[in-house]
Amino acid sequence: MRCTYSAGVLVLAALLSTGARCSSDGPPANDEDLVRLENEILEMIGDAEASDVSFCSTIAFGSKPCGGPWRYLVYSAEVTDPDALEAKVAEYNRLQARINREKGLASDCSLAVQPVVELRDNACVAAAGN
């Protein structure tokens, strides 16, 4: 919701009393968009098939209210375009950070550990013990 103040102090008071928040980011972000983006990202990654572990990589995913990612996704650069994935994950992370701000969400401040990757059955996976 974009806030305008041309109607005077009464409009501002009404907005504040309802808990509405002003945002320069456009309409309020919603969880449905977040779910849609996550599904697109997971579809881009697929089974993370690879012929060599050198194609395996990770990407920080999500935006904790306390800072940092929620987790890391393992993907294969052999089947997933890293630049396209990075752009889509950045969009997801920005949207989640915006939702966190708009809803005043909180989280623990533990750090997600970036996993070591390995190739198992021709697929990139987090190594055991991660």
C-alpha atoms as a PDB file:
ATOM      1  CA  MET A   1       0.000   0.000   0.000  1.00  0.00           C
ATOM      2  CA  ARG A   2       1.341   3.411  -0.900  1.00  0.00           C
ATOM      3  CA  CYS A   3       0.550   6.109   1.625  1.00  0.00           C
ATOM      4  CA  THR A   4      -0.442   9.584   0.584  1.00  0.00           C
ATOM      5  CA  TYR A   5      -0.949  12.408   2.987  1.00  0.00           C
ATOM      6  CA  SER A   6      -2.900  14.797   0.793  1.00  0.00           C
ATOM      7  CA  ALA A   7      -6.091  14.102   2.737  1.00  0.00           C
ATOM      8  CA  GLY A   8      -4.548  15.443   5.905  1.00  0.00           C
ATOM      9  CA  VAL A   9      -3.694  14.331   9.382  1.00  0.00           C
ATOM     10  CA  LEU A  10      -6.930  12.341   9.856  1.00  0.00           C
ATOM     11  CA  VAL A  11      -5.974   9.899   7.089  1.00  0.00           C
ATOM     12  CA  LEU A  12      -2.518   9.460   8.580  1.00  0.00           C
ATOM     13  CA  ALA A  13      -3.995   8.860  12.020  1.00  0.00           C
ATOM     14  CA  ALA A  14      -6.440   6.322  10.582  1.00  0.00           C
ATOM     15  CA  LEU A  15      -3.633   4.468   8.805  1.00  0.00           C
ATOM     16  CA  LEU A  16      -1.508   4.353  11.923  1.00  0.00           C
ATOM     17  CA  SER A  17      -4.381   3.194  14.111  1.00  0.00           C
ATOM     18  CA  THR A  18      -5.107   0.247  11.788  1.00  0.00           C
ATOM     19  CA  GLY A  19      -1.496  -0.863  11.808  1.00  0.00           C
ATOM     20  CA  ALA A  20      -1.077  -0.147   8.099  1.00  0.00           C
ATOM     21  CA  ARG A  21       2.498   0.344   7.027  1.00  0.00           C
ATOM     22  CA  CYS A  22       3.738   2.661   4.347  1.00  0.00           C
ATOM     23  CA  SER A  23       5.987   1.131   1.762  1.00  0.00           C
ATOM     24  CA  SER A  24       7.817   2.488  -1.210  1.00  0.00           C
ATOM     25  CA  ASP A  25       8.003  -1.107  -2.481  1.00  0.00           C
ATOM     26  CA  GLY A  26       4.444  -1.145  -3.804  1.00  0.00           C
ATOM     27  CA  PRO A  27       1.592  -3.315  -2.560  1.00  0.00           C
ATOM     28  CA  PRO A  28       2.159  -5.501   0.499  1.00  0.00           C
ATOM     29  CA  ALA A  29       4.237  -8.582  -0.210  1.00  0.00           C
ATOM     30  CA  ASN A  30       2.480 -11.900   0.206  1.00  0.00           C
ATOM     31  CA  ASP A  31       3.368 -15.450   1.086  1.00  0.00           C
ATOM     32  CA  GLU A  32       1.809 -16.833  -2.119  1.00  0.00           C
ATOM     33  CA  ASP A  33       4.467 -15.047  -4.188  1.00  0.00           C
ATOM     34  CA  LEU A  34       7.138 -16.482  -1.908  1.00  0.00           C
ATOM     35  CA  VAL A  35       5.807 -20.030  -2.387  1.00  0.00           C
ATOM     36  CA  ARG A  36       5.612 -19.522  -6.166  1.00  0.00           C
ATOM     37  CA  LEU A  37       9.231 -18.335  -6.304  1.00  0.00           C
ATOM     38  CA  GLU A  38      10.439 -21.211  -4.117  1.00  0.00           C
ATOM     39  CA  ASN A  39       8.720 -23.706  -6.421  1.00  0.00           C
ATOM     40  CA  GLU A  40      10.327 -22.067  -9.474  1.00  0.00           C
ATOM     41  CA  ILE A  41      13.749 -22.253  -7.808  1.00  0.00           C
ATOM     42  CA  LEU A  42      13.357 -25.899  -6.817  1.00  0.00           C
ATOM     43  CA  GLU A  43      12.196 -26.708 -10.346  1.00  0.00           C
ATOM     44  CA  MET A  44      15.285 -24.953 -11.770  1.00  0.00           C
ATOM     45  CA  ILE A  45      17.515 -27.111  -9.550  1.00  0.00           C
ATOM     46  CA  GLY A  46      15.630 -30.337 -10.165  1.00  0.00           C
ATOM     47  CA  ASP A  47      17.580 -33.447  -9.164  1.00  0.00           C
ATOM     48  CA  ALA A  48      20.920 -31.577  -9.400  1.00  0.00           C
ATOM     49  CA  GLU A  49      22.311 -34.182 -11.788  1.00  0.00           C
ATOM     50  CA  ALA A  50      26.018 -33.917 -12.591  1.00  0.00           C
ATOM     51  CA  SER A  51      28.755 -35.950 -14.217  1.00  0.00           C
ATOM     52  CA  ASP A  52      31.456 -34.579 -11.906  1.00  0.00           C
ATOM     53  CA  VAL A  53      31.535 -33.000  -8.434  1.00  0.00           C
ATOM     54  CA  SER A  54      33.139 -29.893  -9.955  1.00  0.00           C
ATOM     55  CA  PHE A  55      29.662 -28.955 -11.233  1.00  0.00           C
ATOM     56  CA  CYS A  56      28.212 -29.037  -7.706  1.00  0.00           C
ATOM     57  CA  SER A  57      27.677 -25.823  -5.798  1.00  0.00           C
ATOM     58  CA  THR A  58      25.519 -24.182  -3.130  1.00  0.00           C
ATOM     59  CA  ILE A  59      23.518 -20.987  -2.894  1.00  0.00           C
ATOM     60  CA  ALA A  60      22.303 -19.133   0.208  1.00  0.00           C
ATOM     61  CA  PHE A  61      18.517 -19.349   0.314  1.00  0.00           C
ATOM     62  CA  GLY A  62      16.057 -17.254   2.269  1.00  0.00           C
ATOM     63  CA  SER A  63      16.382 -14.246   4.480  1.00  0.00           C
ATOM     64  CA  LYS A  64      16.201 -14.648   8.242  1.00  0.00           C
ATOM     65  CA  PRO A  65      14.805 -11.624  10.082  1.00  0.00           C
ATOM     66  CA  CYS A  66      17.903 -11.740  12.279  1.00  0.00           C
ATOM     67  CA  GLY A  67      20.138 -11.796   9.193  1.00  0.00           C
ATOM     68  CA  GLY A  68      21.666 -14.380   6.902  1.00  0.00           C
ATOM     69  CA  PRO A  69      20.055 -17.216   4.940  1.00  0.00           C
ATOM     70  CA  TRP A  70      17.706 -19.856   6.337  1.00  0.00           C
ATOM     71  CA  ARG A  71      19.608 -22.593   4.515  1.00  0.00           C
ATOM     72  CA  TYR A  72      21.719 -23.456   1.523  1.00  0.00           C
ATOM     73  CA  LEU A  73      20.481 -25.184  -1.606  1.00  0.00           C
ATOM     74  CA  VAL A  74      22.715 -27.628  -3.474  1.00  0.00           C
ATOM     75  CA  TYR A  75      22.580 -27.458  -7.251  1.00  0.00           C
ATOM     76  CA  SER A  76      24.440 -28.599 -10.350  1.00  0.00           C
ATOM     77  CA  ALA A  77      25.849 -25.991 -12.713  1.00  0.00           C
ATOM     78  CA  GLU A  78      25.777 -28.705 -15.361  1.00  0.00           C
ATOM     79  CA  VAL A  79      21.962 -28.611 -15.517  1.00  0.00           C
ATOM     80  CA  THR A  80      21.101 -25.269 -13.869  1.00  0.00           C
ATOM     81  CA  ASP A  81      22.214 -21.895 -15.199  1.00  0.00           C
ATOM     82  CA  PRO A  82      24.011 -20.366 -12.173  1.00  0.00           C
ATOM     83  CA  ASP A  83      23.259 -16.774 -13.249  1.00  0.00           C
ATOM     84  CA  ALA A  84      19.542 -17.445 -13.713  1.00  0.00           C
ATOM     85  CA  LEU A  85      19.411 -19.308 -10.392  1.00  0.00           C
ATOM     86  CA  GLU A  86      21.261 -16.508  -8.616  1.00  0.00           C
ATOM     87  CA  ALA A  87      18.815 -13.923  -9.996  1.00  0.00           C
ATOM     88  CA  LYS A  88      15.754 -15.956  -8.976  1.00  0.00           C
ATOM     89  CA  VAL A  89      17.137 -16.654  -5.485  1.00  0.00           C
ATOM     90  CA  ALA A  90      17.996 -12.959  -5.054  1.00  0.00           C
ATOM     91  CA  GLU A  91      14.392 -12.106  -5.944  1.00  0.00           C
ATOM     92  CA  TYR A  92      13.153 -14.662  -3.400  1.00  0.00           C
ATOM     93  CA  ASN A  93      15.522 -13.389  -0.705  1.00  0.00           C
ATOM     94  CA  ARG A  94      14.460  -9.756  -1.285  1.00  0.00           C
ATOM     95  CA  LEU A  95      10.785 -10.686  -1.111  1.00  0.00           C
ATOM     96  CA  GLN A  96      11.266 -12.696   2.076  1.00  0.00           C
ATOM     97  CA  ALA A  97      13.208  -9.818   3.675  1.00  0.00           C
ATOM     98  CA  ARG A  98      10.374  -7.462   2.732  1.00  0.00           C
ATOM     99  CA  ILE A  99       7.766  -9.795   4.228  1.00  0.00           C
ATOM    100  CA  ASN A 100       9.884 -10.020   7.381  1.00  0.00           C
ATOM    101  CA  ARG A 101       9.898  -6.215   7.647  1.00  0.00           C
ATOM    102  CA  GLU A 102       6.226  -5.732   6.814  1.00  0.00           C
ATOM    103  CA  LYS A 103       5.069  -8.377   9.282  1.00  0.00           C
ATOM    104  CA  GLY A 104       7.646  -7.532  11.945  1.00  0.00           C
ATOM    105  CA  LEU A 105       8.843 -11.158  12.028  1.00  0.00           C
ATOM    106  CA  ALA A 106      11.655 -12.432  14.236  1.00  0.00           C
ATOM    107  CA  SER A 107      13.903 -15.480  14.122  1.00  0.00           C
ATOM    108  CA  ASP A 108      16.706 -17.113  16.000  1.00  0.00           C
ATOM    109  CA  CYS A 109      20.098 -15.708  15.162  1.00  0.00           C
ATOM    110  CA  SER A 110      21.779 -19.038  14.476  1.00  0.00           C
ATOM    111  CA  LEU A 111      23.828 -19.203  11.311  1.00  0.00           C
ATOM    112  CA  ALA A 112      23.040 -21.625   8.533  1.00  0.00           C
ATOM    113  CA  VAL A 113      26.161 -23.621   7.737  1.00  0.00           C
ATOM    114  CA  GLN A 114      27.141 -23.849   4.094  1.00  0.00           C
ATOM    115  CA  PRO A 115      27.389 -27.574   3.365  1.00  0.00           C
ATOM    116  CA  VAL A 116      30.221 -29.388   1.705  1.00  0.00           C
ATOM    117  CA  VAL A 117      28.905 -30.965  -1.482  1.00  0.00           C
ATOM    118  CA  GLU A 118      29.563 -34.353  -2.962  1.00  0.00           C
ATOM    119  CA  LEU A 119      28.448 -36.369  -5.950  1.00  0.00           C
ATOM    120  CA  ARG A 120      26.264 -39.326  -5.056  1.00  0.00           C
ATOM    121  CA  ASP A 121      24.500 -41.426  -7.726  1.00  0.00           C
ATOM    122  CA  ASN A 122      25.257 -38.739 -10.327  1.00  0.00           C
ATOM    123  CA  ALA A 123      23.597 -36.007  -8.285  1.00  0.00           C
ATOM    124  CA  CYS A 124      24.972 -33.143  -6.228  1.00  0.00           C
ATOM    125  CA  VAL A 125      24.066 -33.491  -2.546  1.00  0.00           C
ATOM    126  CA  ALA A 126      25.182 -32.155   0.807  1.00  0.00           C
ATOM    127  CA  ALA A 127      27.870 -34.415   2.191  1.00  0.00           C
ATOM    128  CA  ALA A 128      26.957 -36.581   5.161  1.00  0.00           C
ATOM    129  CA  GLY A 129      27.409 -34.809   8.463  1.00  0.00           C
ATOM    130  CA  ASN A 130      26.186 -31.439   7.155  1.00  0.00           C
END
